[in-house]
PDB file of N, CA and C in Angstrom:
ATOM      1  N   UNK A   1       0.823  -1.184   0.000  1.00  0.00           N
ATOM      2  CA  UNK A   1       0.000   0.000   0.000  1.00  0.00           C
ATOM      3  C   UNK A   1       0.867   1.246   0.000  1.00  0.00           C
ATOM      4  N   UNK A   2       0.233   2.378  -0.219  1.00  0.00           N
ATOM      5  CA  UNK A   2       0.958   3.635  -0.327  1.00  0.00           C
ATOM      6  C   UNK A   2       1.643   4.025   0.970  1.00  0.00           C
ATOM      7  N   UNK A   3       0.978   3.799   2.112  1.00  0.00           N
ATOM      8  CA  UNK A   3       1.612   4.172   3.382  1.00  0.00           C
ATOM      9  C   UNK A   3       2.834   3.297   3.671  1.00  0.00           C
ATOM     10  N   UNK A   4       2.849   2.063   3.184  1.00  0.00           N
ATOM     11  CA  UNK A   4       4.034   1.219   3.353  1.00  0.00           C
ATOM     12  C   UNK A   4       5.196   1.744   2.526  1.00  0.00           C
ATOM     13  N   UNK A   5       4.904   2.220   1.328  1.00  0.00           N
ATOM     14  CA  UNK A   5       5.955   2.793   0.485  1.00  0.00           C
ATOM     15  C   UNK A   5       6.531   4.032   1.155  1.00  0.00           C
ATOM     16  N   UNK A   6       5.661   4.874   1.701  1.00  0.00           N
ATOM     17  CA  UNK A   6       6.127   6.086   2.378  1.00  0.00           C
ATOM     18  C   UNK A   6       6.940   5.730   3.617  1.00  0.00           C
ATOM     19  N   UNK A   7       6.527   4.695   4.342  1.00  0.00           N
ATOM     20  CA  UNK A   7       7.278   4.224   5.505  1.00  0.00           C
ATOM     21  C   UNK A   7       8.696   3.819   5.104  1.00  0.00           C
ATOM     22  N   UNK A   8       8.828   3.066   4.038  1.00  0.00           N
ATOM     23  CA  UNK A   8      10.145   2.623   3.591  1.00  0.00           C
ATOM     24  C   UNK A   8      10.980   3.792   3.063  1.00  0.00           C
ATOM     25  N   UNK A   9      10.333   4.763   2.448  1.00  0.00           N
ATOM     26  CA  UNK A   9      11.068   5.935   1.988  1.00  0.00           C
ATOM     27  C   UNK A   9      11.643   6.710   3.169  1.00  0.00           C
ATOM     28  N   UNK A  10      10.865   6.865   4.229  1.00  0.00           N
ATOM     29  CA  UNK A  10      11.361   7.539   5.435  1.00  0.00           C
ATOM     30  C   UNK A  10      12.499   6.733   6.045  1.00  0.00           C
ATOM     31  N   UNK A  11      12.335   5.431   6.122  1.00  0.00           N
ATOM     32  CA  UNK A  11      13.363   4.572   6.705  1.00  0.00           C
ATOM     33  C   UNK A  11      14.675   4.655   5.910  1.00  0.00           C
ATOM     34  N   UNK A  12      14.589   4.602   4.600  1.00  0.00           N
ATOM     35  CA  UNK A  12      15.792   4.707   3.768  1.00  0.00           C
ATOM     36  C   UNK A  12      16.430   6.078   3.931  1.00  0.00           C
ATOM     37  N   UNK A  13      15.603   7.110   4.017  1.00  0.00           N
ATOM     38  CA  UNK A  13      16.128   8.462   4.192  1.00  0.00           C
ATOM     39  C   UNK A  13      16.863   8.602   5.522  1.00  0.00           C
ATOM     40  N   UNK A  14      16.344   7.988   6.556  1.00  0.00           N
ATOM     41  CA  UNK A  14      17.003   8.010   7.865  1.00  0.00           C
ATOM     42  C   UNK A  14      18.337   7.266   7.787  1.00  0.00           C
ATOM     43  N   UNK A  15      18.333   6.089   7.200  1.00  0.00           N
ATOM     44  CA  UNK A  15      19.558   5.301   7.096  1.00  0.00           C
ATOM     45  C   UNK A  15      20.618   5.995   6.238  1.00  0.00           C
ATOM     46  N   UNK A  16      20.179   6.782   5.271  1.00  0.00           N
ATOM     47  CA  UNK A  16      21.123   7.505   4.425  1.00  0.00           C
ATOM     48  C   UNK A  16      21.901   8.556   5.221  1.00  0.00           C
ATOM     49  N   UNK A  17      21.355   8.989   6.348  1.00  0.00           N
ATOM     50  CA  UNK A  17      22.070   9.981   7.154  1.00  0.00           C
ATOM     51  C   UNK A  17      23.316   9.377   7.801  1.00  0.00           C
ATOM     52  N   UNK A  18      23.403   8.065   7.873  1.00  0.00           N
ATOM     53  CA  UNK A  18      24.566   7.403   8.472  1.00  0.00           C
ATOM     54  C   UNK A  18      25.701   7.224   7.468  1.00  0.00           C
ATOM     55  N   UNK A  19      25.390   7.354   6.177  1.00  0.00           N
ATOM     56  CA  UNK A  19      26.392   7.163   5.124  1.00  0.00           C
ATOM     57  C   UNK A  19      26.851   8.544   4.649  1.00  0.00           C
ATOM     58  N   UNK A  20      28.152   8.807   4.674  1.00  0.00           N
ATOM     59  CA  UNK A  20      28.642  10.127   4.245  1.00  0.00           C
ATOM     60  C   UNK A  20      28.245  10.450   2.802  1.00  0.00           C
ATOM     61  N   UNK A  21      27.735  11.649   2.614  1.00  0.00           N
ATOM     62  CA  UNK A  21      27.358  12.195   1.300  1.00  0.00           C
ATOM     63  C   UNK A  21      26.248  11.426   0.592  1.00  0.00           C
ATOM     64  N   UNK A  22      25.556  10.552   1.271  1.00  0.00           N
ATOM     65  CA  UNK A  22      24.486   9.794   0.617  1.00  0.00           C
ATOM     66  C   UNK A  22      23.286  10.686   0.310  1.00  0.00           C
ATOM     67  N   UNK A  23      23.013  11.653   1.176  1.00  0.00           N
ATOM     68  CA  UNK A  23      21.876  12.538   0.934  1.00  0.00           C
ATOM     69  C   UNK A  23      22.145  13.552  -0.169  1.00  0.00           C
ATOM     70  N   UNK A  24      23.397  13.707  -0.552  1.00  0.00           N
ATOM     71  CA  UNK A  24      23.725  14.620  -1.640  1.00  0.00           C
ATOM     72  C   UNK A  24      23.652  13.934  -3.002  1.00  0.00           C
ATOM     73  N   UNK A  25      23.401  12.640  -3.016  1.00  0.00           N
ATOM     74  CA  UNK A  25      23.262  11.926  -4.287  1.00  0.00           C
ATOM     75  C   UNK A  25      21.884  12.220  -4.887  1.00  0.00           C
ATOM     76  N   UNK A  26      21.676  11.764  -6.112  1.00  0.00           N
ATOM     77  CA  UNK A  26      20.387  11.984  -6.779  1.00  0.00           C
ATOM     78  C   UNK A  26      19.245  11.348  -5.986  1.00  0.00           C
ATOM     79  N   UNK A  27      19.444  10.114  -5.547  1.00  0.00           N
ATOM     80  CA  UNK A  27      18.407   9.405  -4.777  1.00  0.00           C
ATOM     81  C   UNK A  27      18.148  10.118  -3.453  1.00  0.00           C
ATOM     82  N   UNK A  28      19.217  10.554  -2.789  1.00  0.00           N
ATOM     83  CA  UNK A  28      19.070  11.249  -1.518  1.00  0.00           C
ATOM     84  C   UNK A  28      18.307  12.548  -1.655  1.00  0.00           C
ATOM     85  N   UNK A  29      18.608  13.295  -2.706  1.00  0.00           N
ATOM     86  CA  UNK A  29      17.898  14.548  -2.933  1.00  0.00           C
ATOM     87  C   UNK A  29      16.440  14.299  -3.299  1.00  0.00           C
ATOM     88  N   UNK A  30      16.189  13.265  -4.087  1.00  0.00           N
ATOM     89  CA  UNK A  30      14.817  12.921  -4.457  1.00  0.00           C
ATOM     90  C   UNK A  30      14.014  12.509  -3.221  1.00  0.00           C
ATOM     91  N   UNK A  31      14.587  11.649  -2.395  1.00  0.00           N
ATOM     92  CA  UNK A  31      13.901  11.253  -1.166  1.00  0.00           C
ATOM     93  C   UNK A  31      13.693  12.447  -0.246  1.00  0.00           C
ATOM     94  N   UNK A  32      14.670  13.332  -0.180  1.00  0.00           N
ATOM     95  CA  UNK A  32      14.542  14.526   0.654  1.00  0.00           C
ATOM     96  C   UNK A  32      13.380  15.403   0.228  1.00  0.00           C
ATOM     97  N   UNK A  33      13.177  15.539  -1.082  1.00  0.00           N
ATOM     98  CA  UNK A  33      12.067  16.352  -1.580  1.00  0.00           C
ATOM     99  C   UNK A  33      10.712  15.739  -1.249  1.00  0.00           C
ATOM    100  N   UNK A  34      10.675  14.429  -1.121  1.00  0.00           N
ATOM    101  CA  UNK A  34       9.410  13.753  -0.824  1.00  0.00           C
ATOM    102  C   UNK A  34       9.182  13.644   0.685  1.00  0.00           C
ATOM    103  N   UNK A  35      10.228  13.356   1.439  1.00  0.00           N
ATOM    104  CA  UNK A  35      10.096  13.044   2.863  1.00  0.00           C
ATOM    105  C   UNK A  35      10.164  14.282   3.757  1.00  0.00           C
ATOM    106  N   UNK A  36      11.012  15.245   3.412  1.00  0.00           N
ATOM    107  CA  UNK A  36      11.210  16.413   4.277  1.00  0.00           C
ATOM    108  C   UNK A  36       9.935  17.217   4.539  1.00  0.00           C
ATOM    109  N   UNK A  37       9.041  17.428   3.553  1.00  0.00           N
ATOM    110  CA  UNK A  37       7.805  18.152   3.881  1.00  0.00           C
ATOM    111  C   UNK A  37       6.959  17.453   4.945  1.00  0.00           C
ATOM    112  N   UNK A  38       7.035  16.136   5.006  1.00  0.00           N
ATOM    113  CA  UNK A  38       6.304  15.399   6.038  1.00  0.00           C
ATOM    114  C   UNK A  38       7.016  15.464   7.383  1.00  0.00           C
ATOM    115  N   UNK A  39       8.347  15.430   7.380  1.00  0.00           N
ATOM    116  CA  UNK A  39       9.102  15.417   8.627  1.00  0.00           C
ATOM    117  C   UNK A  39       9.265  16.797   9.263  1.00  0.00           C
ATOM    118  N   UNK A  40       9.241  17.850   8.460  1.00  0.00           N
ATOM    119  CA  UNK A  40       9.539  19.183   8.992  1.00  0.00           C
ATOM    120  C   UNK A  40       8.594  19.654  10.094  1.00  0.00           C
ATOM    121  N   UNK A  41       7.285  19.409  10.042  1.00  0.00           N
ATOM    122  CA  UNK A  41       6.449  19.821  11.178  1.00  0.00           C
ATOM    123  C   UNK A  41       6.821  19.101  12.483  1.00  0.00           C
ATOM    124  N   UNK A  42       7.222  17.858  12.383  1.00  0.00           N
ATOM    125  CA  UNK A  42       7.624  17.115  13.580  1.00  0.00           C
ATOM    126  C   UNK A  42       8.950  17.646  14.121  1.00  0.00           C
ATOM    127  N   UNK A  43       9.843  18.034  13.238  1.00  0.00           N
ATOM    128  CA  UNK A  43      11.146  18.558  13.667  1.00  0.00           C
ATOM    129  C   UNK A  43      11.009  19.917  14.337  1.00  0.00           C
ATOM    130  N   UNK A  44       9.958  20.664  13.993  1.00  0.00           N
ATOM    131  CA  UNK A  44       9.739  21.955  14.640  1.00  0.00           C
ATOM    132  C   UNK A  44       9.370  21.805  16.107  1.00  0.00           C
ATOM    133  N   UNK A  45       8.658  20.726  16.442  1.00  0.00           N
ATOM    134  CA  UNK A  45       8.159  20.551  17.805  1.00  0.00           C
ATOM    135  C   UNK A  45       8.984  19.596  18.653  1.00  0.00           C
ATOM    136  N   UNK A  46       9.777  18.749  18.033  1.00  0.00           N
ATOM    137  CA  UNK A  46      10.551  17.743  18.770  1.00  0.00           C
ATOM    138  C   UNK A  46      12.038  18.058  18.614  1.00  0.00           C
ATOM    139  N   UNK A  47      12.659  18.561  19.675  1.00  0.00           N
ATOM    140  CA  UNK A  47      14.089  18.871  19.561  1.00  0.00           C
ATOM    141  C   UNK A  47      14.927  17.591  19.593  1.00  0.00           C
ATOM    142  N   UNK A  48      16.123  17.646  19.004  1.00  0.00           N
ATOM    143  CA  UNK A  48      17.010  16.473  19.059  1.00  0.00           C
ATOM    144  C   UNK A  48      17.433  16.176  20.499  1.00  0.00           C
ATOM    145  N   UNK A  49      17.581  14.904  20.807  1.00  0.00           N
ATOM    146  CA  UNK A  49      18.025  14.487  22.137  1.00  0.00           C
ATOM    147  C   UNK A  49      19.531  14.665  22.202  1.00  0.00           C
ATOM    148  N   UNK A  50      20.011  15.305  23.248  1.00  0.00           N
ATOM    149  CA  UNK A  50      21.435  15.582  23.458  1.00  0.00           C
ATOM    150  C   UNK A  50      22.047  16.332  22.274  1.00  0.00           C
ATOM    151  N   UNK A  51      21.215  17.041  21.540  1.00  0.00           N
ATOM    152  CA  UNK A  51      21.704  17.856  20.446  1.00  0.00           C
ATOM    153  C   UNK A  51      22.019  17.134  19.156  1.00  0.00           C
ATOM    154  N   UNK A  52      21.938  15.796  19.129  1.00  0.00           N
ATOM    155  CA  UNK A  52      22.314  15.101  17.905  1.00  0.00           C
ATOM    156  C   UNK A  52      21.404  13.938  17.501  1.00  0.00           C
ATOM    157  N   UNK A  53      20.605  13.406  18.379  1.00  0.00           N
ATOM    158  CA  UNK A  53      19.754  12.263  18.039  1.00  0.00           C
ATOM    159  C   UNK A  53      18.351  12.774  17.717  1.00  0.00           C
ATOM    160  N   UNK A  54      17.965  12.655  16.472  1.00  0.00           N
ATOM    161  CA  UNK A  54      16.678  13.151  15.997  1.00  0.00           C
ATOM    162  C   UNK A  54      15.653  12.020  16.044  1.00  0.00           C
ATOM    163  N   UNK A  55      14.687  12.143  16.952  1.00  0.00           N
ATOM    164  CA  UNK A  55      13.654  11.110  17.061  1.00  0.00           C
ATOM    165  C   UNK A  55      12.374  11.499  16.329  1.00  0.00           C
ATOM    166  N   UNK A  56      12.376  12.661  15.674  1.00  0.00           N
ATOM    167  CA  UNK A  56      11.169  13.092  14.970  1.00  0.00           C
ATOM    168  C   UNK A  56      10.732  12.121  13.871  1.00  0.00           C
ATOM    169  N   UNK A  57      11.638  11.436  13.144  1.00  0.00           N
ATOM    170  CA  UNK A  57      11.146  10.455  12.163  1.00  0.00           C
ATOM    171  C   UNK A  57      10.392   9.295  12.810  1.00  0.00           C
ATOM    172  N   UNK A  58      10.790   8.901  14.009  1.00  0.00           N
ATOM    173  CA  UNK A  58      10.074   7.826  14.699  1.00  0.00           C
ATOM    174  C   UNK A  58       8.659   8.269  15.031  1.00  0.00           C
ATOM    175  N   UNK A  59       8.531   9.489  15.541  1.00  0.00           N
ATOM    176  CA  UNK A  59       7.213  10.037  15.868  1.00  0.00           C
ATOM    177  C   UNK A  59       6.389  10.223  14.596  1.00  0.00           C
ATOM    178  N   UNK A  60       7.037  10.654  13.511  1.00  0.00           N
ATOM    179  CA  UNK A  60       6.334  10.846  12.240  1.00  0.00           C
ATOM    180  C   UNK A  60       5.812   9.520  11.692  1.00  0.00           C
ATOM    181  N   UNK A  61       6.619   8.475  11.775  1.00  0.00           N
ATOM    182  CA  UNK A  61       6.176   7.155  11.323  1.00  0.00           C
ATOM    183  C   UNK A  61       5.019   6.661  12.180  1.00  0.00           C
ATOM    184  N   UNK A  62       5.110   6.862  13.488  1.00  0.00           N
ATOM    185  CA  UNK A  62       4.024   6.473  14.388  1.00  0.00           C
ATOM    186  C   UNK A  62       2.742   7.237  14.036  1.00  0.00           C
ATOM    187  N   UNK A  63       2.854   8.542  13.784  1.00  0.00           N
ATOM    188  CA  UNK A  63       1.688   9.349  13.417  1.00  0.00           C
ATOM    189  C   UNK A  63       1.106   8.893  12.088  1.00  0.00           C
ATOM    190  N   UNK A  64       1.959   8.548  11.140  1.00  0.00           N
ATOM    191  CA  UNK A  64       1.493   8.046   9.851  1.00  0.00           C
ATOM    192  C   UNK A  64       0.718   6.746  10.024  1.00  0.00           C
ATOM    193  N   UNK A  65       1.252   5.848  10.824  1.00  0.00           N
ATOM    194  CA  UNK A  65       0.563   4.567  11.062  1.00  0.00           C
ATOM    195  C   UNK A  65      -0.790   4.774  11.752  1.00  0.00           C
ATOM    196  N   UNK A  66      -0.827   5.673  12.751  1.00  0.00           N
ATOM    197  CA  UNK A  66      -2.080   5.938  13.464  1.00  0.00           C
ATOM    198  C   UNK A  66      -3.107   6.592  12.535  1.00  0.00           C
ATOM    199  N   UNK A  67      -2.658   7.481  11.654  1.00  0.00           N
ATOM    200  CA  UNK A  67      -3.573   8.113  10.703  1.00  0.00           C
ATOM    201  C   UNK A  67      -4.159   7.086   9.742  1.00  0.00           C
ATOM    202  N   UNK A  68      -3.324   6.175   9.287  1.00  0.00           N
ATOM    203  CA  UNK A  68      -3.803   5.134   8.357  1.00  0.00           C
ATOM    204  C   UNK A  68      -4.799   4.219   9.056  1.00  0.00           C
ATOM    205  N   UNK A  69      -4.469   3.784  10.282  1.00  0.00           N
ATOM    206  CA  UNK A  69      -5.396   2.914  11.010  1.00  0.00           C
ATOM    207  C   UNK A  69      -6.704   3.635  11.325  1.00  0.00           C
ATOM    208  N   UNK A  70      -6.614   4.918  11.654  1.00  0.00           N
ATOM    209  CA  UNK A  70      -7.829   5.700  11.919  1.00  0.00           C
ATOM    210  C   UNK A  70      -8.680   5.842  10.675  1.00  0.00           C
ATOM    211  N   UNK A  71      -8.049   6.105   9.542  1.00  0.00           N
ATOM    212  CA  UNK A  71      -8.783   6.231   8.288  1.00  0.00           C
ATOM    213  C   UNK A  71      -9.442   4.911   7.903  1.00  0.00           C
ATOM    214  N   UNK A  72      -8.736   3.818   8.104  1.00  0.00           N
ATOM    215  CA  UNK A  72      -9.308   2.502   7.810  1.00  0.00           C
ATOM    216  C   UNK A  72     -10.501   2.228   8.712  1.00  0.00           C
ATOM    217  N   UNK A  73     -10.402   2.596   9.984  1.00  0.00           N
ATOM    218  CA  UNK A  73     -11.514   2.385  10.913  1.00  0.00           C
ATOM    219  C   UNK A  73     -12.732   3.225  10.507  1.00  0.00           C
ATOM    220  N   UNK A  74     -12.516   4.470  10.156  1.00  0.00           N
ATOM    221  CA  UNK A  74     -13.622   5.337   9.748  1.00  0.00           C
ATOM    222  C   UNK A  74     -14.262   4.819   8.465  1.00  0.00           C
ATOM    223  N   UNK A  75     -13.437   4.447   7.494  1.00  0.00           N
ATOM    224  CA  UNK A  75     -13.998   3.946   6.239  1.00  0.00           C
ATOM    225  C   UNK A  75     -14.744   2.631   6.415  1.00  0.00           C
ATOM    226  N   UNK A  76     -14.234   1.762   7.274  1.00  0.00           N
ATOM    227  CA  UNK A  76     -14.958   0.494   7.498  1.00  0.00           C
ATOM    228  C   UNK A  76     -16.271   0.734   8.226  1.00  0.00           C
ATOM    229  N   UNK A  77     -16.312   1.753   9.077  1.00  0.00           N
ATOM    230  CA  UNK A  77     -17.564   2.080   9.769  1.00  0.00           C
ATOM    231  C   UNK A  77     -18.565   2.682   8.803  1.00  0.00           C
ATOM    232  N   UNK A  78     -18.105   3.586   7.938  1.00  0.00           N
ATOM    233  CA  UNK A  78     -18.999   4.280   7.007  1.00  0.00           C
ATOM    234  C   UNK A  78     -19.482   3.336   5.895  1.00  0.00           C
ATOM    235  N   UNK A  79     -18.568   2.526   5.379  1.00  0.00           N
ATOM    236  CA  UNK A  79     -18.912   1.688   4.246  1.00  0.00           C
ATOM    237  C   UNK A  79     -19.501   0.335   4.637  1.00  0.00           C
ATOM    238  N   UNK A  80     -19.500   0.055   5.900  1.00  0.00           N
ATOM    239  CA  UNK A  80     -20.180  -1.145   6.303  1.00  0.00           C
ATOM    240  C   UNK A  80     -19.301  -2.201   6.788  1.00  0.00           C
TER     241      UNK A  80
END
């Protein structure tokens, strides 16, 4: 499903931060253009732990999963 693809894109984008210059590659820039608009609101409210560990992608993935499950619940209730 689409939310699974987005989940994997976020995960790959996070893992790319561990590889030097990976985010400056074509794939890294492409993923950044897709993932950063979703992550930026979470980064505004969740500061990095000890100044370097960013947990906002974890919270963003959790929020994405909860939104999908909520939407599925509402649609199953409405559609029968």
